[in-house]
Amino acid sequence: MAICDTCGNDYWLSFEVRTIGGETHTFDSFECAIQKLAPVCEHCGCKVVGHGVEASGSFFCCGHCARSSDVAAGAQIKDAVGVRPA
């Protein structure tokens, strides 16, 4: 068994995540992994769980937040391309 880095639970189905920076973390759930590792949107403060967007080194949960920020490149971010379906 291994102890979760986020909540301290000692769980027999825990798993490890290795980051690109070489760190190894142990978690008992995806929820705990998200709380510890997911970036935070620099506009609204929510955890970026999906793809999100990056503009000039800043992370955002969506194009709206990127466009609403003070980041110059954020104004160029679009959520979708094309014509809205009828």
PDB file of N, CA and C in Angstrom:
ATOM      1  N   MET A   1       0.850  -1.179   0.000  1.00  0.00           N
ATOM      2  CA  MET A   1       0.000   0.000   0.000  1.00  0.00           C
ATOM      3  C   MET A   1       0.888   1.232   0.000  1.00  0.00           C
ATOM      4  N   ALA A   2       0.312   2.322  -0.487  1.00  0.00           N
ATOM      5  CA  ALA A   2       1.075   3.569  -0.559  1.00  0.00           C
ATOM      6  C   ALA A   2       0.198   4.727  -0.111  1.00  0.00           C
ATOM      7  N   ILE A   3       0.813   5.748   0.413  1.00  0.00           N
ATOM      8  CA  ILE A   3       0.091   6.899   0.977  1.00  0.00           C
ATOM      9  C   ILE A   3      -0.039   7.999  -0.064  1.00  0.00           C
ATOM     10  N   CYS A   4      -1.260   8.516  -0.201  1.00  0.00           N
ATOM     11  CA  CYS A   4      -1.555   9.584  -1.154  1.00  0.00           C
ATOM     12  C   CYS A   4      -0.860  10.881  -0.740  1.00  0.00           C
ATOM     13  N   ASP A   5      -0.206  11.526  -1.712  1.00  0.00           N
ATOM     14  CA  ASP A   5       0.494  12.790  -1.457  1.00  0.00           C
ATOM     15  C   ASP A   5      -0.460  13.926  -1.092  1.00  0.00           C
ATOM     16  N   THR A   6      -1.714  13.839  -1.538  1.00  0.00           N
ATOM     17  CA  THR A   6      -2.661  14.926  -1.304  1.00  0.00           C
ATOM     18  C   THR A   6      -3.429  14.755   0.000  1.00  0.00           C
ATOM     19  N   CYS A   7      -4.050  13.582   0.200  1.00  0.00           N
ATOM     20  CA  CYS A   7      -4.941  13.415   1.356  1.00  0.00           C
ATOM     21  C   CYS A   7      -4.384  12.537   2.468  1.00  0.00           C
ATOM     22  N   GLY A   8      -3.291  11.818   2.187  1.00  0.00           N
ATOM     23  CA  GLY A   8      -2.679  10.976   3.217  1.00  0.00           C
ATOM     24  C   GLY A   8      -3.308   9.606   3.380  1.00  0.00           C
ATOM     25  N   ASN A   9      -4.279   9.260   2.514  1.00  0.00           N
ATOM     26  CA  ASN A   9      -4.931   7.960   2.601  1.00  0.00           C
ATOM     27  C   ASN A   9      -3.956   6.852   2.211  1.00  0.00           C
ATOM     28  N   ASP A  10      -3.941   5.780   2.980  1.00  0.00           N
ATOM     29  CA  ASP A  10      -3.117   4.615   2.694  1.00  0.00           C
ATOM     30  C   ASP A  10      -4.005   3.616   1.951  1.00  0.00           C
ATOM     31  N   TYR A  11      -3.804   3.476   0.636  1.00  0.00           N
ATOM     32  CA  TYR A  11      -4.749   2.754  -0.220  1.00  0.00           C
ATOM     33  C   TYR A  11      -4.032   1.724  -1.067  1.00  0.00           C
ATOM     34  N   TRP A  12      -4.589   0.512  -1.140  1.00  0.00           N
ATOM     35  CA  TRP A  12      -3.931  -0.571  -1.871  1.00  0.00           C
ATOM     36  C   TRP A  12      -3.995  -0.397  -3.386  1.00  0.00           C
ATOM     37  N   LEU A  13      -4.874   0.462  -3.901  1.00  0.00           N
ATOM     38  CA  LEU A  13      -4.960   0.717  -5.335  1.00  0.00           C
ATOM     39  C   LEU A  13      -4.383   2.084  -5.716  1.00  0.00           C
ATOM     40  N   SER A  14      -3.485   2.591  -4.916  1.00  0.00           N
ATOM     41  CA  SER A  14      -2.863   3.877  -5.237  1.00  0.00           C
ATOM     42  C   SER A  14      -2.025   3.742  -6.512  1.00  0.00           C
ATOM     43  N   PHE A  15      -1.696   4.873  -7.104  1.00  0.00           N
ATOM     44  CA  PHE A  15      -0.915   4.872  -8.346  1.00  0.00           C
ATOM     45  C   PHE A  15       0.083   6.015  -8.316  1.00  0.00           C
ATOM     46  N   GLU A  16       1.089   5.929  -9.168  1.00  0.00           N
ATOM     47  CA  GLU A  16       2.117   6.965  -9.249  1.00  0.00           C
ATOM     48  C   GLU A  16       1.981   7.754 -10.542  1.00  0.00           C
ATOM     49  N   VAL A  17       2.327   9.032 -10.458  1.00  0.00           N
ATOM     50  CA  VAL A  17       2.398   9.907 -11.622  1.00  0.00           C
ATOM     51  C   VAL A  17       3.797  10.501 -11.647  1.00  0.00           C
ATOM     52  N   ARG A  18       4.445  10.382 -12.789  1.00  0.00           N
ATOM     53  CA  ARG A  18       5.777  10.979 -12.968  1.00  0.00           C
ATOM     54  C   ARG A  18       5.624  12.219 -13.845  1.00  0.00           C
ATOM     55  N   THR A  19       6.145  13.336 -13.370  1.00  0.00           N
ATOM     56  CA  THR A  19       6.046  14.572 -14.133  1.00  0.00           C
ATOM     57  C   THR A  19       7.216  14.707 -15.083  1.00  0.00           C
ATOM     58  N   ILE A  20       7.078  15.598 -16.035  1.00  0.00           N
ATOM     59  CA  ILE A  20       8.159  15.832 -16.994  1.00  0.00           C
ATOM     60  C   ILE A  20       9.404  16.390 -16.291  1.00  0.00           C
ATOM     61  N   GLY A  21       9.190  17.017 -15.137  1.00  0.00           N
ATOM     62  CA  GLY A  21      10.308  17.544 -14.361  1.00  0.00           C
ATOM     63  C   GLY A  21      11.033  16.488 -13.542  1.00  0.00           C
ATOM     64  N   GLY A  22      10.553  15.233 -13.596  1.00  0.00           N
ATOM     65  CA  GLY A  22      11.217  14.145 -12.897  1.00  0.00           C
ATOM     66  C   GLY A  22      10.661  13.829 -11.524  1.00  0.00           C
ATOM     67  N   GLU A  23       9.667  14.553 -11.065  1.00  0.00           N
ATOM     68  CA  GLU A  23       9.065  14.276  -9.763  1.00  0.00           C
ATOM     69  C   GLU A  23       8.134  13.068  -9.872  1.00  0.00           C
ATOM     70  N   THR A  24       8.021  12.299  -8.795  1.00  0.00           N
ATOM     71  CA  THR A  24       7.087  11.185  -8.723  1.00  0.00           C
ATOM     72  C   THR A  24       6.122  11.454  -7.578  1.00  0.00           C
ATOM     73  N   HIS A  25       4.828  11.341  -7.863  1.00  0.00           N
ATOM     74  CA  HIS A  25       3.786  11.567  -6.863  1.00  0.00           C
ATOM     75  C   HIS A  25       2.919  10.325  -6.754  1.00  0.00           C
ATOM     76  N   THR A  26       2.414  10.068  -5.565  1.00  0.00           N
ATOM     77  CA  THR A  26       1.526   8.938  -5.315  1.00  0.00           C
ATOM     78  C   THR A  26       0.143   9.472  -4.967  1.00  0.00           C
ATOM     79  N   PHE A  27      -0.893   8.876  -5.579  1.00  0.00           N
ATOM     80  CA  PHE A  27      -2.271   9.319  -5.348  1.00  0.00           C
ATOM     81  C   PHE A  27      -3.187   8.118  -5.165  1.00  0.00           C
ATOM     82  N   ASP A  28      -4.284   8.357  -4.436  1.00  0.00           N
ATOM     83  CA  ASP A  28      -5.288   7.308  -4.267  1.00  0.00           C
ATOM     84  C   ASP A  28      -6.483   7.518  -5.194  1.00  0.00           C
ATOM     85  N   SER A  29      -6.524   8.668  -5.903  1.00  0.00           N
ATOM     86  CA  SER A  29      -7.634   8.947  -6.815  1.00  0.00           C
ATOM     87  C   SER A  29      -7.207  10.015  -7.816  1.00  0.00           C
ATOM     88  N   PHE A  30      -7.945  10.071  -8.931  1.00  0.00           N
ATOM     89  CA  PHE A  30      -7.686  11.131  -9.901  1.00  0.00           C
ATOM     90  C   PHE A  30      -8.009  12.491  -9.301  1.00  0.00           C
ATOM     91  N   GLU A  31      -9.002  12.540  -8.433  1.00  0.00           N
ATOM     92  CA  GLU A  31      -9.363  13.799  -7.771  1.00  0.00           C
ATOM     93  C   GLU A  31      -8.169  14.383  -7.013  1.00  0.00           C
ATOM     94  N   CYS A  32      -7.470  13.547  -6.275  1.00  0.00           N
ATOM     95  CA  CYS A  32      -6.300  14.023  -5.529  1.00  0.00           C
ATOM     96  C   CYS A  32      -5.170  14.427  -6.475  1.00  0.00           C
ATOM     97  N   ALA A  33      -5.002  13.684  -7.581  1.00  0.00           N
ATOM     98  CA  ALA A  33      -3.970  14.036  -8.566  1.00  0.00           C
ATOM     99  C   ALA A  33      -4.269  15.400  -9.177  1.00  0.00           C
ATOM    100  N   ILE A  34      -5.534  15.649  -9.509  1.00  0.00           N
ATOM    101  CA  ILE A  34      -5.933  16.938 -10.082  1.00  0.00           C
ATOM    102  C   ILE A  34      -5.663  18.065  -9.098  1.00  0.00           C
ATOM    103  N   GLN A  35      -6.026  17.872  -7.844  1.00  0.00           N
ATOM    104  CA  GLN A  35      -5.818  18.918  -6.839  1.00  0.00           C
ATOM    105  C   GLN A  35      -4.350  19.283  -6.699  1.00  0.00           C
ATOM    106  N   LYS A  36      -3.478  18.301  -6.810  1.00  0.00           N
ATOM    107  CA  LYS A  36      -2.046  18.549  -6.622  1.00  0.00           C
ATOM    108  C   LYS A  36      -1.352  19.048  -7.895  1.00  0.00           C
ATOM    109  N   LEU A  37      -1.744  18.531  -9.082  1.00  0.00           N
ATOM    110  CA  LEU A  37      -0.948  18.749 -10.283  1.00  0.00           C
ATOM    111  C   LEU A  37      -1.564  19.652 -11.346  1.00  0.00           C
ATOM    112  N   ALA A  38      -2.884  19.784 -11.368  1.00  0.00           N
ATOM    113  CA  ALA A  38      -3.513  20.557 -12.444  1.00  0.00           C
ATOM    114  C   ALA A  38      -3.177  22.038 -12.324  1.00  0.00           C
ATOM    115  N   PRO A  39      -2.901  22.683 -13.462  1.00  0.00           N
ATOM    116  CA  PRO A  39      -2.662  24.131 -13.416  1.00  0.00           C
ATOM    117  C   PRO A  39      -3.950  24.871 -13.068  1.00  0.00           C
ATOM    118  N   VAL A  40      -3.810  26.087 -12.617  1.00  0.00           N
ATOM    119  CA  VAL A  40      -4.960  26.925 -12.240  1.00  0.00           C
ATOM    120  C   VAL A  40      -5.138  28.002 -13.302  1.00  0.00           C
ATOM    121  N   CYS A  41      -6.387  28.207 -13.726  1.00  0.00           N
ATOM    122  CA  CYS A  41      -6.680  29.258 -14.706  1.00  0.00           C
ATOM    123  C   CYS A  41      -6.285  30.606 -14.118  1.00  0.00           C
ATOM    124  N   GLU A  42      -5.513  31.363 -14.871  1.00  0.00           N
ATOM    125  CA  GLU A  42      -5.011  32.646 -14.369  1.00  0.00           C
ATOM    126  C   GLU A  42      -6.064  33.750 -14.388  1.00  0.00           C
ATOM    127  N   HIS A  43      -7.231  33.460 -14.985  1.00  0.00           N
ATOM    128  CA  HIS A  43      -8.306  34.458 -14.988  1.00  0.00           C
ATOM    129  C   HIS A  43      -9.359  34.149 -13.923  1.00  0.00           C
ATOM    130  N   CYS A  44      -9.930  32.933 -13.947  1.00  0.00           N
ATOM    131  CA  CYS A  44     -11.038  32.626 -13.031  1.00  0.00           C
ATOM    132  C   CYS A  44     -10.629  31.800 -11.820  1.00  0.00           C
ATOM    133  N   GLY A  45      -9.443  31.200 -11.856  1.00  0.00           N
ATOM    134  CA  GLY A  45      -8.937  30.461 -10.698  1.00  0.00           C
ATOM    135  C   GLY A  45      -9.352  29.006 -10.619  1.00  0.00           C
ATOM    136  N   CYS A  46     -10.106  28.477 -11.601  1.00  0.00           N
ATOM    137  CA  CYS A  46     -10.494  27.068 -11.523  1.00  0.00           C
ATOM    138  C   CYS A  46      -9.336  26.177 -11.985  1.00  0.00           C
ATOM    139  N   LYS A  47      -9.386  24.911 -11.601  1.00  0.00           N
ATOM    140  CA  LYS A  47      -8.383  23.948 -12.035  1.00  0.00           C
ATOM    141  C   LYS A  47      -8.607  23.643 -13.513  1.00  0.00           C
ATOM    142  N   VAL A  48      -7.530  23.601 -14.288  1.00  0.00           N
ATOM    143  CA  VAL A  48      -7.616  23.281 -15.708  1.00  0.00           C
ATOM    144  C   VAL A  48      -7.515  21.763 -15.816  1.00  0.00           C
ATOM    145  N   VAL A  49      -8.673  21.113 -15.993  1.00  0.00           N
ATOM    146  CA  VAL A  49      -8.735  19.659 -16.022  1.00  0.00           C
ATOM    147  C   VAL A  49      -8.660  19.137 -17.457  1.00  0.00           C
ATOM    148  N   GLY A  50      -9.219  19.878 -18.407  1.00  0.00           N
ATOM    149  CA  GLY A  50      -9.162  19.481 -19.813  1.00  0.00           C
ATOM    150  C   GLY A  50      -7.916  20.044 -20.469  1.00  0.00           C
ATOM    151  N   HIS A  51      -7.998  20.242 -21.776  1.00  0.00           N
ATOM    152  CA  HIS A  51      -6.851  20.757 -22.514  1.00  0.00           C
ATOM    153  C   HIS A  51      -6.516  22.186 -22.118  1.00  0.00           C
ATOM    154  N   GLY A  52      -7.526  23.026 -21.919  1.00  0.00           N
ATOM    155  CA  GLY A  52      -7.271  24.424 -21.613  1.00  0.00           C
ATOM    156  C   GLY A  52      -6.517  25.091 -22.750  1.00  0.00           C
ATOM    157  N   VAL A  53      -6.056  26.295 -22.507  1.00  0.00           N
ATOM    158  CA  VAL A  53      -5.262  27.014 -23.497  1.00  0.00           C
ATOM    159  C   VAL A  53      -4.086  27.682 -22.800  1.00  0.00           C
ATOM    160  N   GLU A  54      -3.020  27.883 -23.563  1.00  0.00           N
ATOM    161  CA  GLU A  54      -1.844  28.572 -23.051  1.00  0.00           C
ATOM    162  C   GLU A  54      -1.570  29.756 -23.954  1.00  0.00           C
ATOM    163  N   ALA A  55      -1.348  30.910 -23.351  1.00  0.00           N
ATOM    164  CA  ALA A  55      -1.027  32.119 -24.106  1.00  0.00           C
ATOM    165  C   ALA A  55       0.109  32.833 -23.397  1.00  0.00           C
ATOM    166  N   SER A  56       1.214  32.999 -24.075  1.00  0.00           N
ATOM    167  CA  SER A  56       2.389  33.690 -23.528  1.00  0.00           C
ATOM    168  C   SER A  56       2.826  33.120 -22.184  1.00  0.00           C
ATOM    169  N   GLY A  57       2.751  31.790 -22.048  1.00  0.00           N
ATOM    170  CA  GLY A  57       3.196  31.137 -20.822  1.00  0.00           C
ATOM    171  C   GLY A  57       2.182  31.135 -19.700  1.00  0.00           C
ATOM    172  N   SER A  58       0.997  31.681 -19.921  1.00  0.00           N
ATOM    173  CA  SER A  58      -0.073  31.676 -18.934  1.00  0.00           C
ATOM    174  C   SER A  58      -1.106  30.622 -19.311  1.00  0.00           C
ATOM    175  N   PHE A  59      -1.674  29.942 -18.313  1.00  0.00           N
ATOM    176  CA  PHE A  59      -2.655  28.887 -18.554  1.00  0.00           C
ATOM    177  C   PHE A  59      -4.058  29.377 -18.236  1.00  0.00           C
ATOM    178  N   PHE A  60      -5.003  28.984 -19.088  1.00  0.00           N
ATOM    179  CA  PHE A  60      -6.407  29.356 -18.929  1.00  0.00           C
ATOM    180  C   PHE A  60      -7.273  28.132 -19.180  1.00  0.00           C
ATOM    181  N   CYS A  61      -8.450  28.104 -18.553  1.00  0.00           N
ATOM    182  CA  CYS A  61      -9.348  26.961 -18.724  1.00  0.00           C
ATOM    183  C   CYS A  61     -10.065  26.990 -20.070  1.00  0.00           C
ATOM    184  N   CYS A  62     -10.201  28.174 -20.677  1.00  0.00           N
ATOM    185  CA  CYS A  62     -10.930  28.289 -21.945  1.00  0.00           C
ATOM    186  C   CYS A  62     -10.502  29.568 -22.674  1.00  0.00           C
ATOM    187  N   GLY A  63     -10.954  29.678 -23.918  1.00  0.00           N
ATOM    188  CA  GLY A  63     -10.641  30.855 -24.715  1.00  0.00           C
ATOM    189  C   GLY A  63     -11.214  32.129 -24.131  1.00  0.00           C
ATOM    190  N   HIS A  64     -12.404  32.041 -23.535  1.00  0.00           N
ATOM    191  CA  HIS A  64     -13.025  33.231 -22.939  1.00  0.00           C
ATOM    192  C   HIS A  64     -12.128  33.822 -21.853  1.00  0.00           C
ATOM    193  N   CYS A  65     -11.609  32.960 -20.983  1.00  0.00           N
ATOM    194  CA  CYS A  65     -10.730  33.453 -19.912  1.00  0.00           C
ATOM    195  C   CYS A  65      -9.437  34.021 -20.483  1.00  0.00           C
ATOM    196  N   ALA A  66      -8.898  33.402 -21.532  1.00  0.00           N
ATOM    197  CA  ALA A  66      -7.674  33.917 -22.154  1.00  0.00           C
ATOM    198  C   ALA A  66      -7.920  35.297 -22.747  1.00  0.00           C
ATOM    199  N   ARG A  67      -9.066  35.455 -23.431  1.00  0.00           N
ATOM    200  CA  ARG A  67      -9.387  36.756 -24.033  1.00  0.00           C
ATOM    201  C   ARG A  67      -9.688  37.814 -22.974  1.00  0.00           C
ATOM    202  N   SER A  68     -10.198  37.404 -21.826  1.00  0.00           N
ATOM    203  CA  SER A  68     -10.562  38.339 -20.755  1.00  0.00           C
ATOM    204  C   SER A  68      -9.369  38.757 -19.902  1.00  0.00           C
ATOM    205  N   SER A  69      -8.234  38.119 -20.105  1.00  0.00           N
ATOM    206  CA  SER A  69      -7.055  38.414 -19.291  1.00  0.00           C
ATOM    207  C   SER A  69      -6.275  39.592 -19.858  1.00  0.00           C
ATOM    208  N   ASP A  70      -5.236  39.967 -19.146  1.00  0.00           N
ATOM    209  CA  ASP A  70      -4.351  41.043 -19.584  1.00  0.00           C
ATOM    210  C   ASP A  70      -3.240  40.547 -20.506  1.00  0.00           C
ATOM    211  N   VAL A  71      -3.221  39.231 -20.787  1.00  0.00           N
ATOM    212  CA  VAL A  71      -2.182  38.655 -21.630  1.00  0.00           C
ATOM    213  C   VAL A  71      -2.467  39.019 -23.088  1.00  0.00           C
ATOM    214  N   ALA A  72      -1.508  39.668 -23.738  1.00  0.00           N
ATOM    215  CA  ALA A  72      -1.712  40.154 -25.107  1.00  0.00           C
ATOM    216  C   ALA A  72      -2.075  39.036 -26.071  1.00  0.00           C
ATOM    217  N   ALA A  73      -1.401  37.900 -25.984  1.00  0.00           N
ATOM    218  CA  ALA A  73      -1.679  36.786 -26.897  1.00  0.00           C
ATOM    219  C   ALA A  73      -3.041  36.164 -26.642  1.00  0.00           C
ATOM    220  N   GLY A  74      -3.627  36.405 -25.478  1.00  0.00           N
ATOM    221  CA  GLY A  74      -4.942  35.847 -25.145  1.00  0.00           C
ATOM    222  C   GLY A  74      -6.033  36.351 -26.065  1.00  0.00           C
ATOM    223  N   ALA A  75      -5.882  37.552 -26.590  1.00  0.00           N
ATOM    224  CA  ALA A  75      -6.892  38.121 -27.479  1.00  0.00           C
ATOM    225  C   ALA A  75      -7.016  37.322 -28.773  1.00  0.00           C
ATOM    226  N   GLN A  76      -6.015  36.554 -29.123  1.00  0.00           N
ATOM    227  CA  GLN A  76      -6.023  35.772 -30.356  1.00  0.00           C
ATOM    228  C   GLN A  76      -6.632  34.385 -30.192  1.00  0.00           C
ATOM    229  N   ILE A  77      -6.901  33.963 -28.971  1.00  0.00           N
ATOM    230  CA  ILE A  77      -7.417  32.618 -28.709  1.00  0.00           C
ATOM    231  C   ILE A  77      -8.889  32.539 -29.086  1.00  0.00           C
ATOM    232  N   LYS A  78      -9.252  31.493 -29.825  1.00  0.00           N
ATOM    233  CA  LYS A  78     -10.633  31.252 -30.216  1.00  0.00           C
ATOM    234  C   LYS A  78     -11.046  29.873 -29.708  1.00  0.00           C
ATOM    235  N   ASP A  79     -12.299  29.756 -29.238  1.00  0.00           N
ATOM    236  CA  ASP A  79     -12.795  28.471 -28.745  1.00  0.00           C
ATOM    237  C   ASP A  79     -13.149  27.522 -29.885  1.00  0.00           C
ATOM    238  N   ALA A  80     -13.687  28.057 -30.966  1.00  0.00           N
ATOM    239  CA  ALA A  80     -14.100  27.238 -32.101  1.00  0.00           C
ATOM    240  C   ALA A  80     -13.915  28.011 -33.381  1.00  0.00           C
ATOM    241  N   VAL A  81     -13.725  27.313 -34.467  1.00  0.00           N
ATOM    242  CA  VAL A  81     -13.547  27.961 -35.763  1.00  0.00           C
ATOM    243  C   VAL A  81     -14.704  27.528 -36.662  1.00  0.00           C
ATOM    244  N   GLY A  82     -15.229  28.453 -37.407  1.00  0.00           N
ATOM    245  CA  GLY A  82     -16.284  28.118 -38.352  1.00  0.00           C
ATOM    246  C   GLY A  82     -17.597  28.779 -38.001  1.00  0.00           C
ATOM    247  N   VAL A  83     -18.611  28.358 -38.731  1.00  0.00           N
ATOM    248  CA  VAL A  83     -19.951  28.911 -38.569  1.00  0.00           C
ATOM    249  C   VAL A  83     -20.700  28.138 -37.513  1.00  0.00           C
ATOM    250  N   ARG A  84     -21.424  28.828 -36.688  1.00  0.00           N
ATOM    251  CA  ARG A  84     -22.240  28.192 -35.661  1.00  0.00           C
ATOM    252  C   ARG A  84     -23.336  27.342 -36.314  1.00  0.00           C
ATOM    253  N   PRO A  85     -23.496  26.105 -35.850  1.00  0.00           N
ATOM    254  CA  PRO A  85     -24.527  25.255 -36.450  1.00  0.00           C
ATOM    255  C   PRO A  85     -25.928  25.817 -36.180  1.00  0.00           C
ATOM    256  N   ALA A  86     -26.830  25.581 -37.132  1.00  0.00           N
ATOM    257  CA  ALA A  86     -28.203  26.084 -37.002  1.00  0.00           C
ATOM    258  C   ALA A  86     -29.007  25.260 -36.041  1.00  0.00           C
TER     259      ALA A  86
END
